[in-house]
C-alpha atoms as a PDB file:
ATOM      1  CA  MET A   1      28.981 -38.427  88.897  1.00  0.00           C
ATOM      2  CA  LYS A   2      28.269 -42.159  89.019  1.00  0.00           C
ATOM      3  CA  LYS A   3      26.426 -43.489  92.055  1.00  0.00           C
ATOM      4  CA  ILE A   4      27.561 -46.484  94.087  1.00  0.00           C
ATOM      5  CA  GLY A   5      24.709 -48.012  96.030  1.00  0.00           C
ATOM      6  CA  VAL A   6      25.299 -49.081  99.618  1.00  0.00           C
ATOM      7  CA  LEU A   7      22.709 -51.364 101.158  1.00  0.00           C
ATOM      8  CA  ALA A   8      21.713 -49.556 104.357  1.00  0.00           C
ATOM      9  CA  ARG A   9      21.759 -51.218 107.774  1.00  0.00           C
ATOM     10  CA  PRO A  10      18.880 -50.586 110.200  1.00  0.00           C
ATOM     11  CA  GLU A  11      19.780 -49.337 113.668  1.00  0.00           C
ATOM     12  CA  LYS A  12      17.517 -48.234 116.501  1.00  0.00           C
ATOM     13  CA  HIS A  13      18.331 -45.392 118.884  1.00  0.00           C
ATOM     14  CA  ASP A  14      15.860 -43.924 121.376  1.00  0.00           C
ATOM     15  CA  GLU A  15      13.188 -46.175 119.844  1.00  0.00           C
ATOM     16  CA  ARG A  16      13.711 -44.542 116.452  1.00  0.00           C
ATOM     17  CA  LEU A  17      14.817 -46.393 113.326  1.00  0.00           C
ATOM     18  CA  TYR A  18      17.831 -45.087 111.393  1.00  0.00           C
ATOM     19  CA  TRP A  19      19.237 -46.299 108.074  1.00  0.00           C
ATOM     20  CA  CYS A  20      23.029 -46.285 108.263  1.00  0.00           C
ATOM     21  CA  ILE A  21      26.154 -46.475 106.127  1.00  0.00           C
ATOM     22  CA  ASN A  22      29.602 -47.533 107.313  1.00  0.00           C
ATOM     23  CA  GLY A  23      31.745 -44.390 107.342  1.00  0.00           C
ATOM     24  CA  GLU A  24      34.799 -46.233 106.020  1.00  0.00           C
ATOM     25  CA  ILE A  25      32.846 -47.478 103.004  1.00  0.00           C
ATOM     26  CA  GLN A  26      31.504 -43.986 102.408  1.00  0.00           C
ATOM     27  CA  GLN A  27      35.057 -42.609 102.450  1.00  0.00           C
ATOM     28  CA  VAL A  28      36.352 -45.259 100.046  1.00  0.00           C
ATOM     29  CA  ILE A  29      33.580 -44.556  97.536  1.00  0.00           C
ATOM     30  CA  MET A  30      34.176 -40.808  97.633  1.00  0.00           C
ATOM     31  CA  GLU A  31      37.970 -41.133  97.423  1.00  0.00           C
ATOM     32  CA  TYR A  32      37.524 -43.103  94.207  1.00  0.00           C
ATOM     33  CA  GLY A  33      35.439 -40.253  92.805  1.00  0.00           C
ATOM     34  CA  TYR A  34      31.956 -41.720  93.117  1.00  0.00           C
ATOM     35  CA  LEU A  35      28.805 -40.712  94.990  1.00  0.00           C
ATOM     36  CA  PRO A  36      27.550 -42.972  97.824  1.00  0.00           C
ATOM     37  CA  TYR A  37      23.859 -43.704  97.356  1.00  0.00           C
ATOM     38  CA  LEU A  38      21.954 -45.311 100.221  1.00  0.00           C
ATOM     39  CA  ILE A  39      19.510 -48.126  99.376  1.00  0.00           C
ATOM     40  CA  TYR A  40      16.785 -48.952 101.892  1.00  0.00           C
ATOM     41  CA  PRO A  41      13.158 -50.149 102.021  1.00  0.00           C
ATOM     42  CA  ARG A  42      10.165 -48.117 103.171  1.00  0.00           C
ATOM     43  CA  HIS A  43      10.025 -50.119 106.398  1.00  0.00           C
ATOM     44  CA  LEU A  44      11.569 -53.132 108.057  1.00  0.00           C
ATOM     45  CA  ASN A  45       8.609 -55.462 107.640  1.00  0.00           C
ATOM     46  CA  GLU A  46       9.548 -59.037 106.811  1.00  0.00           C
ATOM     47  CA  LYS A  47       7.097 -59.213 103.899  1.00  0.00           C
ATOM     48  CA  LEU A  48       7.833 -56.913 100.963  1.00  0.00           C
ATOM     49  CA  THR A  49       4.869 -55.630  98.984  1.00  0.00           C
ATOM     50  CA  GLU A  50       4.843 -54.876  95.260  1.00  0.00           C
ATOM     51  CA  ALA A  51       5.139 -51.191  96.138  1.00  0.00           C
ATOM     52  CA  ASP A  52       8.215 -51.970  98.245  1.00  0.00           C
ATOM     53  CA  LEU A  53       9.818 -53.877  95.397  1.00  0.00           C
ATOM     54  CA  ASP A  54       9.121 -51.071  92.945  1.00  0.00           C
ATOM     55  CA  ILE A  55      10.842 -48.525  95.196  1.00  0.00           C
ATOM     56  CA  ILE A  56      13.899 -50.720  95.701  1.00  0.00           C
ATOM     57  CA  GLN A  57      14.127 -51.353  91.956  1.00  0.00           C
ATOM     58  CA  GLU A  58      14.026 -47.625  91.242  1.00  0.00           C
ATOM     59  CA  GLN A  59      16.831 -47.081  93.738  1.00  0.00           C
ATOM     60  CA  LEU A  60      18.959 -49.843  92.207  1.00  0.00           C
ATOM     61  CA  LYS A  61      18.475 -48.482  88.687  1.00  0.00           C
ATOM     62  CA  GLU A  62      20.316 -45.342  89.833  1.00  0.00           C
ATOM     63  CA  CYS A  63      23.435 -47.332  90.719  1.00  0.00           C
ATOM     64  CA  SER A  64      26.451 -48.202  88.585  1.00  0.00           C
ATOM     65  CA  GLY A  65      27.518 -50.720  91.223  1.00  0.00           C
ATOM     66  CA  VAL A  66      26.523 -51.761  94.731  1.00  0.00           C
ATOM     67  CA  ILE A  67      28.385 -52.568  97.949  1.00  0.00           C
ATOM     68  CA  LEU A  68      26.643 -54.889 100.403  1.00  0.00           C
ATOM     69  CA  GLN A  69      28.087 -53.719 103.705  1.00  0.00           C
ATOM     70  CA  GLY A  70      28.534 -55.599 106.957  1.00  0.00           C
ATOM     71  CA  GLY A  71      25.896 -55.838 109.645  1.00  0.00           C
ATOM     72  CA  LEU A  72      24.244 -58.097 112.197  1.00  0.00           C
ATOM     73  CA  GLU A  73      21.141 -59.586 110.599  1.00  0.00           C
ATOM     74  CA  ILE A  74      19.872 -60.519 107.127  1.00  0.00           C
ATOM     75  CA  TYR A  75      16.454 -59.093 106.291  1.00  0.00           C
ATOM     76  CA  GLU A  76      14.065 -59.776 103.441  1.00  0.00           C
ATOM     77  CA  TYR A  77      15.067 -56.573 101.653  1.00  0.00           C
ATOM     78  CA  ASP A  78      18.707 -57.745 101.737  1.00  0.00           C
ATOM     79  CA  ARG A  79      17.745 -60.975  99.998  1.00  0.00           C
ATOM     80  CA  TYR A  80      15.694 -59.184  97.361  1.00  0.00           C
ATOM     81  CA  VAL A  81      18.421 -56.632  96.577  1.00  0.00           C
ATOM     82  CA  CYS A  82      20.976 -59.422  96.299  1.00  0.00           C
ATOM     83  CA  SER A  83      18.831 -61.422  93.871  1.00  0.00           C
ATOM     84  CA  TYR A  84      18.140 -58.312  91.760  1.00  0.00           C
ATOM     85  CA  LEU A  85      21.839 -57.463  91.514  1.00  0.00           C
ATOM     86  CA  TYR A  86      22.652 -61.019  90.502  1.00  0.00           C
ATOM     87  CA  GLU A  87      19.887 -61.256  87.919  1.00  0.00           C
ATOM     88  CA  HIS A  88      20.744 -57.899  86.316  1.00  0.00           C
ATOM     89  CA  ASP A  89      24.533 -58.422  86.507  1.00  0.00           C
ATOM     90  CA  ILE A  90      25.150 -55.181  88.394  1.00  0.00           C
ATOM     91  CA  PRO A  91      28.736 -55.031  89.761  1.00  0.00           C
ATOM     92  CA  THR A  92      28.477 -56.148  93.379  1.00  0.00           C
ATOM     93  CA  LEU A  93      30.968 -56.320  96.227  1.00  0.00           C
ATOM     94  CA  GLY A  94      29.709 -58.087  99.352  1.00  0.00           C
ATOM     95  CA  ILE A  95      31.486 -57.485 102.652  1.00  0.00           C
ATOM     96  CA  CYS A  96      31.049 -59.703 105.730  1.00  0.00           C
ATOM     97  CA  LEU A  97      27.233 -59.903 106.151  1.00  0.00           C
ATOM     98  CA  GLY A  98      26.991 -58.859 102.511  1.00  0.00           C
ATOM     99  CA  MET A  99      28.931 -61.957 101.465  1.00  0.00           C
ATOM    100  CA  GLN A 100      26.777 -64.099 103.742  1.00  0.00           C
ATOM    101  CA  THR A 101      23.634 -62.734 102.069  1.00  0.00           C
ATOM    102  CA  MET A 102      25.060 -63.535  98.636  1.00  0.00           C
ATOM    103  CA  ALA A 103      25.911 -67.070  99.762  1.00  0.00           C
ATOM    104  CA  GLU A 104      22.533 -67.689 101.376  1.00  0.00           C
ATOM    105  CA  GLY A 105      20.760 -66.606  98.201  1.00  0.00           C
ATOM    106  CA  LYS A 106      22.543 -69.347  96.276  1.00  0.00           C
ATOM    107  CA  LEU A 107      21.359 -72.317  98.369  1.00  0.00           C
ATOM    108  CA  GLY A 108      23.752 -71.436 101.174  1.00  0.00           C
ATOM    109  CA  ARG A 109      23.596 -72.016 104.918  1.00  0.00           C
ATOM    110  CA  LEU A 110      25.001 -69.915 107.745  1.00  0.00           C
ATOM    111  CA  LYS A 111      26.196 -70.931 111.198  1.00  0.00           C
ATOM    112  CA  ASP A 112      27.166 -69.183 114.440  1.00  0.00           C
ATOM    113  CA  MET A 113      30.880 -68.546 114.739  1.00  0.00           C
ATOM    114  CA  LYS A 114      32.594 -70.186 117.689  1.00  0.00           C
ATOM    115  CA  ILE A 115      36.189 -69.898 116.473  1.00  0.00           C
ATOM    116  CA  LYS A 116      37.939 -67.199 118.485  1.00  0.00           C
ATOM    117  CA  GLN A 117      40.433 -66.055 115.868  1.00  0.00           C
ATOM    118  CA  HIS A 118      37.607 -64.778 113.668  1.00  0.00           C
ATOM    119  CA  TYR A 119      35.993 -62.389 116.184  1.00  0.00           C
ATOM    120  CA  ASP A 120      38.058 -62.119 119.333  1.00  0.00           C
ATOM    121  CA  ARG A 121      40.872 -60.526 117.288  1.00  0.00           C
ATOM    122  CA  LYS A 122      38.540 -57.936 115.747  1.00  0.00           C
ATOM    123  CA  ASN A 123      40.786 -55.026 116.750  1.00  0.00           C
ATOM    124  CA  GLU A 124      43.921 -56.418 115.126  1.00  0.00           C
ATOM    125  CA  LEU A 125      45.172 -55.167 111.750  1.00  0.00           C
ATOM    126  CA  TYR A 126      45.604 -58.784 110.629  1.00  0.00           C
ATOM    127  CA  ALA A 127      43.740 -61.612 112.349  1.00  0.00           C
ATOM    128  CA  HIS A 128      44.605 -64.647 110.196  1.00  0.00           C
ATOM    129  CA  GLU A 129      45.681 -65.856 106.764  1.00  0.00           C
ATOM    130  CA  ASN A 130      43.466 -66.804 103.817  1.00  0.00           C
ATOM    131  CA  TRP A 131      44.248 -69.047 100.887  1.00  0.00           C
ATOM    132  CA  ILE A 132      43.084 -67.839  97.465  1.00  0.00           C
ATOM    133  CA  GLN A 133      42.089 -70.439  94.880  1.00  0.00           C
ATOM    134  CA  PRO A 134      44.265 -70.087  91.736  1.00  0.00           C
ATOM    135  CA  GLY A 135      42.327 -69.512  88.537  1.00  0.00           C
ATOM    136  CA  THR A 136      39.489 -67.614  90.246  1.00  0.00           C
ATOM    137  CA  LYS A 137      38.533 -64.043  89.489  1.00  0.00           C
ATOM    138  CA  LEU A 138      39.635 -63.079  93.000  1.00  0.00           C
ATOM    139  CA  PHE A 139      43.067 -64.611  92.398  1.00  0.00           C
ATOM    140  CA  ASN A 140      43.386 -62.739  89.094  1.00  0.00           C
ATOM    141  CA  ILE A 141      42.597 -59.498  90.939  1.00  0.00           C
ATOM    142  CA  LEU A 142      44.837 -59.977  93.956  1.00  0.00           C
ATOM    143  CA  GLY A 143      47.652 -61.942  92.324  1.00  0.00           C
ATOM    144  CA  GLU A 144      48.298 -63.757  95.608  1.00  0.00           C
ATOM    145  CA  VAL A 145      47.832 -67.343  96.794  1.00  0.00           C
ATOM    146  CA  LYS A 146      47.995 -66.365 100.460  1.00  0.00           C
ATOM    147  CA  ILE A 147      46.875 -63.097 102.038  1.00  0.00           C
ATOM    148  CA  SER A 148      46.439 -61.758 105.571  1.00  0.00           C
ATOM    149  CA  VAL A 149      43.078 -60.277 106.561  1.00  0.00           C
ATOM    150  CA  ASN A 150      41.253 -58.729 109.482  1.00  0.00           C
ATOM    151  CA  SER A 151      38.179 -60.406 110.962  1.00  0.00           C
ATOM    152  CA  ARG A 152      35.155 -59.435 113.041  1.00  0.00           C
ATOM    153  CA  HIS A 153      32.302 -61.740 112.042  1.00  0.00           C
ATOM    154  CA  ARG A 154      30.099 -63.783 114.400  1.00  0.00           C
ATOM    155  CA  ASP A 155      28.538 -66.016 111.726  1.00  0.00           C
ATOM    156  CA  TYR A 156      30.047 -67.831 108.783  1.00  0.00           C
ATOM    157  CA  VAL A 157      28.990 -69.511 105.549  1.00  0.00           C
ATOM    158  CA  LEU A 158      28.649 -73.253 105.996  1.00  0.00           C
ATOM    159  CA  ASP A 159      28.048 -73.963 102.311  1.00  0.00           C
ATOM    160  CA  THR A 160      26.809 -72.322  99.096  1.00  0.00           C
ATOM    161  CA  ASP A 161      26.358 -73.012  95.408  1.00  0.00           C
ATOM    162  CA  HIS A 162      28.481 -69.973  94.570  1.00  0.00           C
ATOM    163  CA  PHE A 163      32.071 -70.703  93.621  1.00  0.00           C
ATOM    164  CA  ILE A 164      34.268 -70.566  96.717  1.00  0.00           C
ATOM    165  CA  SER A 165      37.426 -68.590  95.965  1.00  0.00           C
ATOM    166  CA  SER A 166      39.040 -68.365  99.403  1.00  0.00           C
ATOM    167  CA  TYR A 167      39.317 -70.278 102.670  1.00  0.00           C
ATOM    168  CA  SER A 168      40.966 -69.425 105.959  1.00  0.00           C
ATOM    169  CA  LYS A 169      43.575 -71.788 107.367  1.00  0.00           C
ATOM    170  CA  ASP A 170      40.922 -73.455 109.544  1.00  0.00           C
ATOM    171  CA  GLY A 171      38.597 -74.093 106.593  1.00  0.00           C
ATOM    172  CA  ILE A 172      36.145 -71.189 106.961  1.00  0.00           C
ATOM    173  CA  ILE A 173      34.785 -69.880 103.646  1.00  0.00           C
ATOM    174  CA  GLU A 174      36.282 -66.404 103.220  1.00  0.00           C
ATOM    175  CA  ALA A 175      35.311 -65.406  99.667  1.00  0.00           C
ATOM    176  CA  ILE A 176      32.771 -66.390  97.015  1.00  0.00           C
ATOM    177  CA  GLU A 177      32.182 -65.309  93.437  1.00  0.00           C
ATOM    178  CA  ASP A 178      30.353 -65.944  90.214  1.00  0.00           C
ATOM    179  CA  PRO A 179      32.976 -65.990  87.438  1.00  0.00           C
ATOM    180  CA  HIS A 180      30.261 -65.550  84.800  1.00  0.00           C
ATOM    181  CA  LYS A 181      29.240 -62.114  86.114  1.00  0.00           C
ATOM    182  CA  ASN A 182      31.017 -58.825  85.449  1.00  0.00           C
ATOM    183  CA  PHE A 183      31.851 -58.468  89.135  1.00  0.00           C
ATOM    184  CA  TYR A 184      30.005 -60.490  91.760  1.00  0.00           C
ATOM    185  CA  ILE A 185      32.431 -61.113  94.625  1.00  0.00           C
ATOM    186  CA  GLY A 186      31.875 -61.423  98.345  1.00  0.00           C
ATOM    187  CA  VAL A 187      34.549 -61.422 101.043  1.00  0.00           C
ATOM    188  CA  GLN A 188      34.195 -62.268 104.713  1.00  0.00           C
ATOM    189  CA  TRP A 189      36.779 -59.744 105.911  1.00  0.00           C
ATOM    190  CA  HIS A 190      36.594 -55.932 105.886  1.00  0.00           C
ATOM    191  CA  PRO A 191      38.801 -54.433 103.142  1.00  0.00           C
ATOM    192  CA  GLU A 192      37.338 -50.973 103.762  1.00  0.00           C
ATOM    193  CA  SER A 193      39.091 -51.000 107.155  1.00  0.00           C
ATOM    194  CA  MET A 194      42.408 -52.152 105.629  1.00  0.00           C
ATOM    195  CA  ILE A 195      42.796 -50.031 102.513  1.00  0.00           C
ATOM    196  CA  ALA A 196      44.930 -47.424 104.324  1.00  0.00           C
ATOM    197  CA  TYR A 197      47.676 -49.958 105.025  1.00  0.00           C
ATOM    198  CA  ASP A 198      47.025 -53.014 102.859  1.00  0.00           C
ATOM    199  CA  LYS A 199      47.716 -53.076  99.103  1.00  0.00           C
ATOM    200  CA  VAL A 200      45.675 -56.259  98.597  1.00  0.00           C
ATOM    201  CA  SER A 201      42.558 -54.471  99.829  1.00  0.00           C
ATOM    202  CA  LYS A 202      43.259 -51.613  97.430  1.00  0.00           C
ATOM    203  CA  LYS A 203      43.541 -54.083  94.542  1.00  0.00           C
ATOM    204  CA  LEU A 204      40.062 -55.396  95.366  1.00  0.00           C
ATOM    205  CA  PHE A 205      38.499 -51.934  95.338  1.00  0.00           C
ATOM    206  CA  ASP A 206      40.508 -50.965  92.232  1.00  0.00           C
ATOM    207  CA  ALA A 207      39.009 -53.927  90.381  1.00  0.00           C
ATOM    208  CA  PHE A 208      35.479 -53.138  91.556  1.00  0.00           C
ATOM    209  CA  PHE A 209      35.620 -49.517  90.453  1.00  0.00           C
ATOM    210  CA  GLN A 210      37.466 -50.292  87.231  1.00  0.00           C
ATOM    211  CA  THR A 211      34.641 -52.686  86.307  1.00  0.00           C
ATOM    212  CA  ILE A 212      32.248 -49.783  86.689  1.00  0.00           C
ATOM    213  CA  GLY A 213      34.534 -47.390  84.808  1.00  0.00           C
ATOM    214  CA  GLY A 214      35.236 -43.713  85.114  1.00  0.00           C
ATOM    215  CA  GLN A 215      38.232 -43.939  87.446  1.00  0.00           C
ATOM    216  CA  ASN A 216      41.837 -43.790  86.278  1.00  0.00           C
ATOM    217  CA  GLU A 217      44.840 -45.364  87.955  1.00  0.00           C
ATOM    218  CA  THR A 218      46.503 -42.034  88.746  1.00  0.00           C
ATOM    219  CA  GLU A 219      43.542 -40.974  90.846  1.00  0.00           C
ATOM    220  CA  THR A 220      43.331 -44.290  92.699  1.00  0.00           C
ATOM    221  CA  ASN A 221      47.044 -44.152  93.489  1.00  0.00           C
ATOM    222  CA  SER A 222      46.590 -40.609  94.743  1.00  0.00           C
ATOM    223  CA  ALA A 223      43.675 -41.721  96.901  1.00  0.00           C
ATOM    224  CA  HIS A 224      45.738 -44.550  98.353  1.00  0.00           C
ATOM    225  CA  ARG A 225      48.510 -42.120  99.312  1.00  0.00           C
ATOM    226  CA  LYS A 226      45.934 -40.020 101.175  1.00  0.00           C
ATOM    227  CA  TRP A 227      44.809 -43.086 103.139  1.00  0.00           C
ATOM    228  CA  GLU A 228      48.420 -44.036 103.892  1.00  0.00           C
ATOM    229  CA  ASP A 229      49.106 -40.516 105.193  1.00  0.00           C
ATOM    230  CA  THR A 230      45.960 -40.618 107.329  1.00  0.00           C
ATOM    231  CA  PHE A 231      46.913 -43.990 108.784  1.00  0.00           C
ATOM    232  CA  ARG A 232      50.414 -42.806 109.695  1.00  0.00           C
ATOM    233  CA  GLU A 233      48.951 -39.868 111.597  1.00  0.00           C
END
């Protein structure tokens, strides 16, 4: 079974450090017939040693693709993983903080979010509309010029040297990509939370897993029906 790496997020409880995966992302990976594989450093130190880099590289070599999940803070290990994925052209899907890490690594800058519609509506199925740039890889995947997305991010990408493939109506960068890579796309919204009711989100994951291979359309359609049934309940 092919492994899909998920870049772990550090969380502290009772003064203990835990490395975590978003349960919705875990479910998506398994429904598509892949094995979630957690990627994390030996420690959370800002400076990575050669031994740290070697361990992360060994983890990444196990992965057929990687999802950079959402979170609160970008660490040095995030930046290194992102640069390794880019350099080795490993299929990568960045979500929320994951997209921000991708953007920052390509001469990007981040800024605190003060626009209410992007965080204060975090519990809504659809928070706002995004415009997709025609001719981009994202447009070819989604087949839509305008989509509706959820939103729960506190920071946003101010600029980046990556190609910008989507904006929100108020001009916030909502998706980036490198069209020269097999699959290197980052989105600011959370498609893993929408896949049960949103066909556009399913198209994005379909394209990611089809790039990796080993998943047929019948199975993905079956998986989507399971999510739809779960959502209705």
